[in-house]
Amino acid sequence: MKRIFELYATGKHSLDTLRKRIRNDFGKTINRSYLHTILLNRVYIGIFEWGGIQYPGSHEQYISAQLFETVQAVIHGHNKGKYSKHDIAFRA
């Protein structure tokens, strides 16, 4: 899991390229949506959610909070809208 977070934090991978890299490196196939869920899950930094409330866990942290925040910044940065460089006639 730590390697997944480290690779995605570089900003050089999309979810699709990260899936391919995991499959090539480890031989494991992970669904794209599940990979996204993994990257958003706070349990890897020692926090779990129950009934909509977050609690500190007694389990060890798999990744640092800094790495998790870096991944979150990359995830939210990849959701930028696409724009066109062309002016379209009669566009409202």
PDB file of N, CA and C in Angstrom:
ATOM      1  N   MET A   1       0.821  -1.191   0.000  1.00  0.00           N
ATOM      2  CA  MET A   1       0.000   0.000   0.000  1.00  0.00           C
ATOM      3  C   MET A   1       0.868   1.259   0.000  1.00  0.00           C
ATOM      4  N   LYS A   2       1.929   1.197   0.776  1.00  0.00           N
ATOM      5  CA  LYS A   2       2.794   2.370   0.859  1.00  0.00           C
ATOM      6  C   LYS A   2       3.341   2.743  -0.517  1.00  0.00           C
ATOM      7  N   ARG A   3       3.719   1.748  -1.294  1.00  0.00           N
ATOM      8  CA  ARG A   3       4.254   2.000  -2.639  1.00  0.00           C
ATOM      9  C   ARG A   3       3.195   2.652  -3.533  1.00  0.00           C
ATOM     10  N   ILE A   4       1.946   2.256  -3.403  1.00  0.00           N
ATOM     11  CA  ILE A   4       0.871   2.855  -4.189  1.00  0.00           C
ATOM     12  C   ILE A   4       0.765   4.345  -3.881  1.00  0.00           C
ATOM     13  N   PHE A   5       0.779   4.688  -2.599  1.00  0.00           N
ATOM     14  CA  PHE A   5       0.697   6.088  -2.203  1.00  0.00           C
ATOM     15  C   PHE A   5       1.923   6.868  -2.676  1.00  0.00           C
ATOM     16  N   GLU A   6       3.095   6.276  -2.564  1.00  0.00           N
ATOM     17  CA  GLU A   6       4.321   6.961  -2.992  1.00  0.00           C
ATOM     18  C   GLU A   6       4.313   7.229  -4.486  1.00  0.00           C
ATOM     19  N   LEU A   7       3.894   6.251  -5.278  1.00  0.00           N
ATOM     20  CA  LEU A   7       3.851   6.436  -6.731  1.00  0.00           C
ATOM     21  C   LEU A   7       2.844   7.507  -7.127  1.00  0.00           C
ATOM     22  N   TYR A   8       1.672   7.485  -6.519  1.00  0.00           N
ATOM     23  CA  TYR A   8       0.640   8.457  -6.888  1.00  0.00           C
ATOM     24  C   TYR A   8       1.005   9.861  -6.432  1.00  0.00           C
ATOM     25  N   ALA A   9       1.724   9.979  -5.322  1.00  0.00           N
ATOM     26  CA  ALA A   9       2.098  11.288  -4.785  1.00  0.00           C
ATOM     27  C   ALA A   9       3.059  12.032  -5.702  1.00  0.00           C
ATOM     28  N   THR A  10       3.751  11.324  -6.583  1.00  0.00           N
ATOM     29  CA  THR A  10       4.674  12.001  -7.500  1.00  0.00           C
ATOM     30  C   THR A  10       3.927  12.873  -8.500  1.00  0.00           C
ATOM     31  N   GLY A  11       2.651  12.563  -8.741  1.00  0.00           N
ATOM     32  CA  GLY A  11       1.859  13.331  -9.697  1.00  0.00           C
ATOM     33  C   GLY A  11       2.078  12.888 -11.131  1.00  0.00           C
ATOM     34  N   LYS A  12       2.881  11.857 -11.341  1.00  0.00           N
ATOM     35  CA  LYS A  12       3.186  11.387 -12.690  1.00  0.00           C
ATOM     36  C   LYS A  12       2.242  10.288 -13.151  1.00  0.00           C
ATOM     37  N   HIS A  13       1.377   9.824 -12.260  1.00  0.00           N
ATOM     38  CA  HIS A  13       0.488   8.711 -12.590  1.00  0.00           C
ATOM     39  C   HIS A  13      -0.970   9.127 -12.488  1.00  0.00           C
ATOM     40  N   SER A  14      -1.741   8.667 -13.454  1.00  0.00           N
ATOM     41  CA  SER A  14      -3.197   8.722 -13.326  1.00  0.00           C
ATOM     42  C   SER A  14      -3.613   7.413 -12.677  1.00  0.00           C
ATOM     43  N   LEU A  15      -4.882   7.261 -12.390  1.00  0.00           N
ATOM     44  CA  LEU A  15      -5.340   6.001 -11.809  1.00  0.00           C
ATOM     45  C   LEU A  15      -5.104   4.840 -12.772  1.00  0.00           C
ATOM     46  N   ASP A  16      -5.279   5.090 -14.056  1.00  0.00           N
ATOM     47  CA  ASP A  16      -5.069   4.025 -15.044  1.00  0.00           C
ATOM     48  C   ASP A  16      -3.605   3.626 -15.155  1.00  0.00           C
ATOM     49  N   THR A  17      -2.706   4.593 -15.213  1.00  0.00           N
ATOM     50  CA  THR A  17      -1.286   4.247 -15.316  1.00  0.00           C
ATOM     51  C   THR A  17      -0.781   3.621 -14.023  1.00  0.00           C
ATOM     52  N   LEU A  18      -1.346   4.022 -12.898  1.00  0.00           N
ATOM     53  CA  LEU A  18      -0.968   3.416 -11.623  1.00  0.00           C
ATOM     54  C   LEU A  18      -1.436   1.961 -11.566  1.00  0.00           C
ATOM     55  N   ARG A  19      -2.625   1.685 -12.061  1.00  0.00           N
ATOM     56  CA  ARG A  19      -3.122   0.302 -12.125  1.00  0.00           C
ATOM     57  C   ARG A  19      -2.186  -0.570 -12.948  1.00  0.00           C
ATOM     58  N   LYS A  20      -1.764  -0.056 -14.099  1.00  0.00           N
ATOM     59  CA  LYS A  20      -0.861  -0.814 -14.966  1.00  0.00           C
ATOM     60  C   LYS A  20       0.487  -1.048 -14.283  1.00  0.00           C
ATOM     61  N   ARG A  21       0.971  -0.033 -13.592  1.00  0.00           N
ATOM     62  CA  ARG A  21       2.257  -0.157 -12.888  1.00  0.00           C
ATOM     63  C   ARG A  21       2.181  -1.197 -11.779  1.00  0.00           C
ATOM     64  N   ILE A  22       1.091  -1.207 -11.035  1.00  0.00           N
ATOM     65  CA  ILE A  22       0.904  -2.196  -9.970  1.00  0.00           C
ATOM     66  C   ILE A  22       0.839  -3.602 -10.563  1.00  0.00           C
ATOM     67  N   ARG A  23       0.117  -3.730 -11.670  1.00  0.00           N
ATOM     68  CA  ARG A  23       0.005  -5.040 -12.309  1.00  0.00           C
ATOM     69  C   ARG A  23       1.363  -5.524 -12.814  1.00  0.00           C
ATOM     70  N   ASN A  24       2.168  -4.622 -13.382  1.00  0.00           N
ATOM     71  CA  ASN A  24       3.485  -4.995 -13.886  1.00  0.00           C
ATOM     72  C   ASN A  24       4.461  -5.315 -12.754  1.00  0.00           C
ATOM     73  N   ASP A  25       4.438  -4.506 -11.687  1.00  0.00           N
ATOM     74  CA  ASP A  25       5.397  -4.679 -10.590  1.00  0.00           C
ATOM     75  C   ASP A  25       5.046  -5.832  -9.664  1.00  0.00           C
ATOM     76  N   PHE A  26       3.757  -5.987  -9.342  1.00  0.00           N
ATOM     77  CA  PHE A  26       3.352  -6.939  -8.318  1.00  0.00           C
ATOM     78  C   PHE A  26       2.477  -8.083  -8.831  1.00  0.00           C
ATOM     79  N   GLY A  27       2.003  -7.983 -10.069  1.00  0.00           N
ATOM     80  CA  GLY A  27       1.144  -9.024 -10.612  1.00  0.00           C
ATOM     81  C   GLY A  27      -0.267  -8.995 -10.065  1.00  0.00           C
ATOM     82  N   LYS A  28      -0.647  -7.928  -9.390  1.00  0.00           N
ATOM     83  CA  LYS A  28      -1.994  -7.793  -8.816  1.00  0.00           C
ATOM     84  C   LYS A  28      -2.820  -6.847  -9.681  1.00  0.00           C
ATOM     85  N   THR A  29      -4.068  -7.212  -9.882  1.00  0.00           N
ATOM     86  CA  THR A  29      -4.983  -6.359 -10.632  1.00  0.00           C
ATOM     87  C   THR A  29      -5.936  -5.690  -9.651  1.00  0.00           C
ATOM     88  N   ILE A  30      -5.987  -4.368  -9.691  1.00  0.00           N
ATOM     89  CA  ILE A  30      -6.865  -3.602  -8.817  1.00  0.00           C
ATOM     90  C   ILE A  30      -7.812  -2.795  -9.690  1.00  0.00           C
ATOM     91  N   ASN A  31      -9.073  -2.849  -9.364  1.00  0.00           N
ATOM     92  CA  ASN A  31     -10.090  -2.078 -10.066  1.00  0.00           C
ATOM     93  C   ASN A  31      -9.801  -0.590  -9.889  1.00  0.00           C
ATOM     94  N   ARG A  32     -10.046   0.206 -10.925  1.00  0.00           N
ATOM     95  CA  ARG A  32      -9.763   1.641 -10.890  1.00  0.00           C
ATOM     96  C   ARG A  32     -10.532   2.340  -9.774  1.00  0.00           C
ATOM     97  N   SER A  33     -11.793   2.018  -9.605  1.00  0.00           N
ATOM     98  CA  SER A  33     -12.594   2.666  -8.572  1.00  0.00           C
ATOM     99  C   SER A  33     -12.126   2.255  -7.174  1.00  0.00           C
ATOM    100  N   TYR A  34     -11.698   1.000  -7.016  1.00  0.00           N
ATOM    101  CA  TYR A  34     -11.192   0.552  -5.724  1.00  0.00           C
ATOM    102  C   TYR A  34      -9.855   1.229  -5.413  1.00  0.00           C
ATOM    103  N   LEU A  35      -9.049   1.443  -6.432  1.00  0.00           N
ATOM    104  CA  LEU A  35      -7.786   2.150  -6.242  1.00  0.00           C
ATOM    105  C   LEU A  35      -8.043   3.579  -5.755  1.00  0.00           C
ATOM    106  N   HIS A  36      -9.050   4.218  -6.307  1.00  0.00           N
ATOM    107  CA  HIS A  36      -9.427   5.559  -5.875  1.00  0.00           C
ATOM    108  C   HIS A  36      -9.897   5.533  -4.422  1.00  0.00           C
ATOM    109  N   THR A  37     -10.673   4.518  -4.055  1.00  0.00           N
ATOM    110  CA  THR A  37     -11.135   4.366  -2.676  1.00  0.00           C
ATOM    111  C   THR A  37      -9.964   4.175  -1.721  1.00  0.00           C
ATOM    112  N   ILE A  38      -8.983   3.395  -2.125  1.00  0.00           N
ATOM    113  CA  ILE A  38      -7.793   3.181  -1.301  1.00  0.00           C
ATOM    114  C   ILE A  38      -7.082   4.505  -1.053  1.00  0.00           C
ATOM    115  N   LEU A  39      -6.916   5.301  -2.094  1.00  0.00           N
ATOM    116  CA  LEU A  39      -6.183   6.559  -1.964  1.00  0.00           C
ATOM    117  C   LEU A  39      -6.915   7.591  -1.108  1.00  0.00           C
ATOM    118  N   LEU A  40      -8.220   7.445  -0.940  1.00  0.00           N
ATOM    119  CA  LEU A  40      -8.994   8.368  -0.111  1.00  0.00           C
ATOM    120  C   LEU A  40      -9.188   7.871   1.321  1.00  0.00           C
ATOM    121  N   ASN A  41      -8.824   6.628   1.596  1.00  0.00           N
ATOM    122  CA  ASN A  41      -9.106   5.991   2.874  1.00  0.00           C
ATOM    123  C   ASN A  41      -8.116   6.440   3.954  1.00  0.00           C
ATOM    124  N   ARG A  42      -8.644   7.006   5.038  1.00  0.00           N
ATOM    125  CA  ARG A  42      -7.803   7.508   6.128  1.00  0.00           C
ATOM    126  C   ARG A  42      -7.312   6.418   7.076  1.00  0.00           C
ATOM    127  N   VAL A  43      -7.768   5.196   6.890  1.00  0.00           N
ATOM    128  CA  VAL A  43      -7.348   4.122   7.783  1.00  0.00           C
ATOM    129  C   VAL A  43      -5.836   3.888   7.672  1.00  0.00           C
ATOM    130  N   TYR A  44      -5.251   4.228   6.544  1.00  0.00           N
ATOM    131  CA  TYR A  44      -3.820   4.035   6.345  1.00  0.00           C
ATOM    132  C   TYR A  44      -2.970   5.022   7.136  1.00  0.00           C
ATOM    133  N   ILE A  45      -3.585   6.099   7.647  1.00  0.00           N
ATOM    134  CA  ILE A  45      -2.851   7.027   8.519  1.00  0.00           C
ATOM    135  C   ILE A  45      -3.296   6.887   9.970  1.00  0.00           C
ATOM    136  N   GLY A  46      -4.034   5.812  10.275  1.00  0.00           N
ATOM    137  CA  GLY A  46      -4.388   5.514  11.651  1.00  0.00           C
ATOM    138  C   GLY A  46      -5.709   6.098  12.118  1.00  0.00           C
ATOM    139  N   ILE A  47      -6.567   6.501  11.198  1.00  0.00           N
ATOM    140  CA  ILE A  47      -7.871   7.074  11.544  1.00  0.00           C
ATOM    141  C   ILE A  47      -8.949   6.225  10.870  1.00  0.00           C
ATOM    142  N   PHE A  48      -9.985   5.859  11.615  1.00  0.00           N
ATOM    143  CA  PHE A  48     -11.092   5.140  11.008  1.00  0.00           C
ATOM    144  C   PHE A  48     -12.386   5.875  11.294  1.00  0.00           C
ATOM    145  N   GLU A  49     -13.380   5.573  10.472  1.00  0.00           N
ATOM    146  CA  GLU A  49     -14.671   6.249  10.591  1.00  0.00           C
ATOM    147  C   GLU A  49     -15.737   5.224  10.949  1.00  0.00           C
ATOM    148  N   TRP A  50     -16.567   5.587  11.924  1.00  0.00           N
ATOM    149  CA  TRP A  50     -17.672   4.723  12.338  1.00  0.00           C
ATOM    150  C   TRP A  50     -18.872   5.603  12.602  1.00  0.00           C
ATOM    151  N   GLY A  51     -19.932   5.379  11.878  1.00  0.00           N
ATOM    152  CA  GLY A  51     -21.152   6.160  12.059  1.00  0.00           C
ATOM    153  C   GLY A  51     -20.974   7.630  11.709  1.00  0.00           C
ATOM    154  N   GLY A  52     -20.084   7.911  10.761  1.00  0.00           N
ATOM    155  CA  GLY A  52     -19.855   9.288  10.336  1.00  0.00           C
ATOM    156  C   GLY A  52     -18.916  10.075  11.238  1.00  0.00           C
ATOM    157  N   ILE A  53     -18.356   9.439  12.264  1.00  0.00           N
ATOM    158  CA  ILE A  53     -17.433  10.098  13.187  1.00  0.00           C
ATOM    159  C   ILE A  53     -16.062   9.451  13.034  1.00  0.00           C
ATOM    160  N   GLN A  54     -15.013  10.294  12.995  1.00  0.00           N
ATOM    161  CA  GLN A  54     -13.660   9.777  12.860  1.00  0.00           C
ATOM    162  C   GLN A  54     -13.035   9.552  14.232  1.00  0.00           C
ATOM    163  N   TYR A  55     -12.360   8.422  14.364  1.00  0.00           N
ATOM    164  CA  TYR A  55     -11.706   8.048  15.611  1.00  0.00           C
ATOM    165  C   TYR A  55     -10.249   7.700  15.343  1.00  0.00           C
ATOM    166  N   PRO A  56      -9.361   7.977  16.291  1.00  0.00           N
ATOM    167  CA  PRO A  56      -7.983   7.511  16.129  1.00  0.00           C
ATOM    168  C   PRO A  56      -7.937   6.003  16.372  1.00  0.00           C
ATOM    169  N   GLY A  57      -7.264   5.294  15.513  1.00  0.00           N
ATOM    170  CA  GLY A  57      -7.190   3.843  15.637  1.00  0.00           C
ATOM    171  C   GLY A  57      -6.034   3.419  16.519  1.00  0.00           C
ATOM    172  N   SER A  58      -6.096   2.193  16.999  1.00  0.00           N
ATOM    173  CA  SER A  58      -4.995   1.662  17.797  1.00  0.00           C
ATOM    174  C   SER A  58      -4.010   0.896  16.919  1.00  0.00           C
ATOM    175  N   HIS A  59      -4.313   0.778  15.624  1.00  0.00           N
ATOM    176  CA  HIS A  59      -3.425   0.076  14.694  1.00  0.00           C
ATOM    177  C   HIS A  59      -2.293   1.001  14.239  1.00  0.00           C
ATOM    178  N   GLU A  60      -1.252   0.396  13.698  1.00  0.00           N
ATOM    179  CA  GLU A  60      -0.112   1.191  13.244  1.00  0.00           C
ATOM    180  C   GLU A  60      -0.455   1.927  11.951  1.00  0.00           C
ATOM    181  N   GLN A  61       0.227   3.037  11.742  1.00  0.00           N
ATOM    182  CA  GLN A  61       0.049   3.801  10.518  1.00  0.00           C
ATOM    183  C   GLN A  61       0.867   3.147   9.416  1.00  0.00           C
ATOM    184  N   TYR A  62       0.261   2.992   8.245  1.00  0.00           N
ATOM    185  CA  TYR A  62       0.976   2.425   7.115  1.00  0.00           C
ATOM    186  C   TYR A  62       1.736   3.494   6.344  1.00  0.00           C
ATOM    187  N   ILE A  63       1.185   4.710   6.334  1.00  0.00           N
ATOM    188  CA  ILE A  63       1.838   5.827   5.645  1.00  0.00           C
ATOM    189  C   ILE A  63       1.806   7.039   6.569  1.00  0.00           C
ATOM    190  N   SER A  64       2.635   8.026   6.256  1.00  0.00           N
ATOM    191  CA  SER A  64       2.657   9.239   7.069  1.00  0.00           C
ATOM    192  C   SER A  64       1.493  10.153   6.681  1.00  0.00           C
ATOM    193  N   ALA A  65       1.124  11.017   7.599  1.00  0.00           N
ATOM    194  CA  ALA A  65       0.043  11.973   7.325  1.00  0.00           C
ATOM    195  C   ALA A  65       0.455  12.924   6.204  1.00  0.00           C
ATOM    196  N   GLN A  66       1.731  13.263   6.135  1.00  0.00           N
ATOM    197  CA  GLN A  66       2.226  14.159   5.076  1.00  0.00           C
ATOM    198  C   GLN A  66       2.055  13.519   3.696  1.00  0.00           C
ATOM    199  N   LEU A  67       2.399  12.234   3.580  1.00  0.00           N
ATOM    200  CA  LEU A  67       2.236  11.531   2.306  1.00  0.00           C
ATOM    201  C   LEU A  67       0.759  11.453   1.928  1.00  0.00           C
ATOM    202  N   PHE A  68      -0.103  11.198   2.902  1.00  0.00           N
ATOM    203  CA  PHE A  68      -1.541  11.145   2.638  1.00  0.00           C
ATOM    204  C   PHE A  68      -2.048  12.490   2.128  1.00  0.00           C
ATOM    205  N   GLU A  69      -1.625  13.578   2.750  1.00  0.00           N
ATOM    206  CA  GLU A  69      -2.065  14.910   2.315  1.00  0.00           C
ATOM    207  C   GLU A  69      -1.539  15.241   0.920  1.00  0.00           C
ATOM    208  N   THR A  70      -0.334  14.805   0.610  1.00  0.00           N
ATOM    209  CA  THR A  70       0.213  15.015  -0.730  1.00  0.00           C
ATOM    210  C   THR A  70      -0.634  14.284  -1.769  1.00  0.00           C
ATOM    211  N   VAL A  71      -1.013  13.057  -1.461  1.00  0.00           N
ATOM    212  CA  VAL A  71      -1.857  12.275  -2.372  1.00  0.00           C
ATOM    213  C   VAL A  71      -3.214  12.957  -2.551  1.00  0.00           C
ATOM    214  N   GLN A  72      -3.776  13.487  -1.472  1.00  0.00           N
ATOM    215  CA  GLN A  72      -5.066  14.170  -1.578  1.00  0.00           C
ATOM    216  C   GLN A  72      -4.961  15.397  -2.475  1.00  0.00           C
ATOM    217  N   ALA A  73      -3.865  16.134  -2.362  1.00  0.00           N
ATOM    218  CA  ALA A  73      -3.661  17.309  -3.217  1.00  0.00           C
ATOM    219  C   ALA A  73      -3.555  16.898  -4.682  1.00  0.00           C
ATOM    220  N   VAL A  74      -2.878  15.787  -4.953  1.00  0.00           N
ATOM    221  CA  VAL A  74      -2.741  15.311  -6.324  1.00  0.00           C
ATOM    222  C   VAL A  74      -4.091  14.843  -6.859  1.00  0.00           C
ATOM    223  N   ILE A  75      -4.846  14.113  -6.047  1.00  0.00           N
ATOM    224  CA  ILE A  75      -6.161  13.633  -6.486  1.00  0.00           C
ATOM    225  C   ILE A  75      -7.070  14.798  -6.842  1.00  0.00           C
ATOM    226  N   HIS A  76      -7.118  15.796  -5.997  1.00  0.00           N
ATOM    227  CA  HIS A  76      -8.004  16.927  -6.253  1.00  0.00           C
ATOM    228  C   HIS A  76      -7.481  17.800  -7.383  1.00  0.00           C
ATOM    229  N   GLY A  77      -6.199  17.767  -7.639  1.00  0.00           N
ATOM    230  CA  GLY A  77      -5.623  18.515  -8.755  1.00  0.00           C
ATOM    231  C   GLY A  77      -5.907  17.873 -10.089  1.00  0.00           C
ATOM    232  N   HIS A  78      -6.095  16.525 -10.115  1.00  0.00           N
ATOM    233  CA  HIS A  78      -6.381  15.823 -11.362  1.00  0.00           C
ATOM    234  C   HIS A  78      -7.822  16.009 -11.803  1.00  0.00           C
ATOM    235  N   ASN A  79      -8.659  16.594 -10.975  1.00  0.00           N
ATOM    236  CA  ASN A  79     -10.066  16.765 -11.309  1.00  0.00           C
ATOM    237  C   ASN A  79     -10.354  18.109 -11.947  1.00  0.00           C
ATOM    238  N   LYS A  80      -9.364  18.720 -12.530  1.00  0.00           N
ATOM    239  CA  LYS A  80      -9.575  20.011 -13.183  1.00  0.00           C
ATOM    240  C   LYS A  80     -10.417  19.811 -14.444  1.00  0.00           C
ATOM    241  N   GLY A  81     -11.284  20.756 -14.684  1.00  0.00           N
ATOM    242  CA  GLY A  81     -12.122  20.668 -15.873  1.00  0.00           C
ATOM    243  C   GLY A  81     -11.320  20.892 -17.132  1.00  0.00           C
ATOM    244  N   LYS A  82     -11.805  20.327 -18.213  1.00  0.00           N
ATOM    245  CA  LYS A  82     -11.125  20.495 -19.496  1.00  0.00           C
ATOM    246  C   LYS A  82     -11.703  21.719 -20.182  1.00  0.00           C
ATOM    247  N   TYR A  83     -10.861  22.403 -20.899  1.00  0.00           N
ATOM    248  CA  TYR A  83     -11.321  23.590 -21.594  1.00  0.00           C
ATOM    249  C   TYR A  83     -10.853  23.520 -23.039  1.00  0.00           C
ATOM    250  N   SER A  84     -11.520  24.272 -23.853  1.00  0.00           N
ATOM    251  CA  SER A  84     -11.192  24.305 -25.263  1.00  0.00           C
ATOM    252  C   SER A  84     -10.423  25.576 -25.581  1.00  0.00           C
ATOM    253  N   LYS A  85      -9.486  25.473 -26.473  1.00  0.00           N
ATOM    254  CA  LYS A  85      -8.710  26.644 -26.880  1.00  0.00           C
ATOM    255  C   LYS A  85      -9.357  27.370 -28.044  1.00  0.00           C
ATOM    256  N   HIS A  86     -10.468  26.842 -28.513  1.00  0.00           N
ATOM    257  CA  HIS A  86     -11.122  27.426 -29.662  1.00  0.00           C
ATOM    258  C   HIS A  86     -12.348  28.227 -29.229  1.00  0.00           C
ATOM    259  N   ASP A  87     -12.551  29.368 -29.879  1.00  0.00           N
ATOM    260  CA  ASP A  87     -13.773  30.119 -29.672  1.00  0.00           C
ATOM    261  C   ASP A  87     -14.819  29.555 -30.621  1.00  0.00           C
ATOM    262  N   ILE A  88     -15.941  29.153 -30.062  1.00  0.00           N
ATOM    263  CA  ILE A  88     -16.984  28.545 -30.861  1.00  0.00           C
ATOM    264  C   ILE A  88     -18.058  29.591 -31.134  1.00  0.00           C
ATOM    265  N   ALA A  89     -18.402  29.729 -32.388  1.00  0.00           N
ATOM    266  CA  ALA A  89     -19.406  30.705 -32.788  1.00  0.00           C
ATOM    267  C   ALA A  89     -20.758  30.324 -32.213  1.00  0.00           C
ATOM    268  N   PHE A  90     -21.517  31.282 -31.802  1.00  0.00           N
ATOM    269  CA  PHE A  90     -22.867  31.136 -31.270  1.00  0.00           C
ATOM    270  C   PHE A  90     -22.927  30.402 -29.945  1.00  0.00           C
ATOM    271  N   ARG A  91     -21.824  30.354 -29.233  1.00  0.00           N
ATOM    272  CA  ARG A  91     -21.825  29.729 -27.910  1.00  0.00           C
ATOM    273  C   ARG A  91     -22.364  30.712 -26.898  1.00  0.00           C
ATOM    274  N   ALA A  92     -23.215  30.273 -26.025  1.00  0.00           N
ATOM    275  CA  ALA A  92     -23.820  31.148 -25.046  1.00  0.00           C
ATOM    276  C   ALA A  92     -22.894  31.391 -23.884  1.00  0.00           C
TER     277      ALA A  92
END
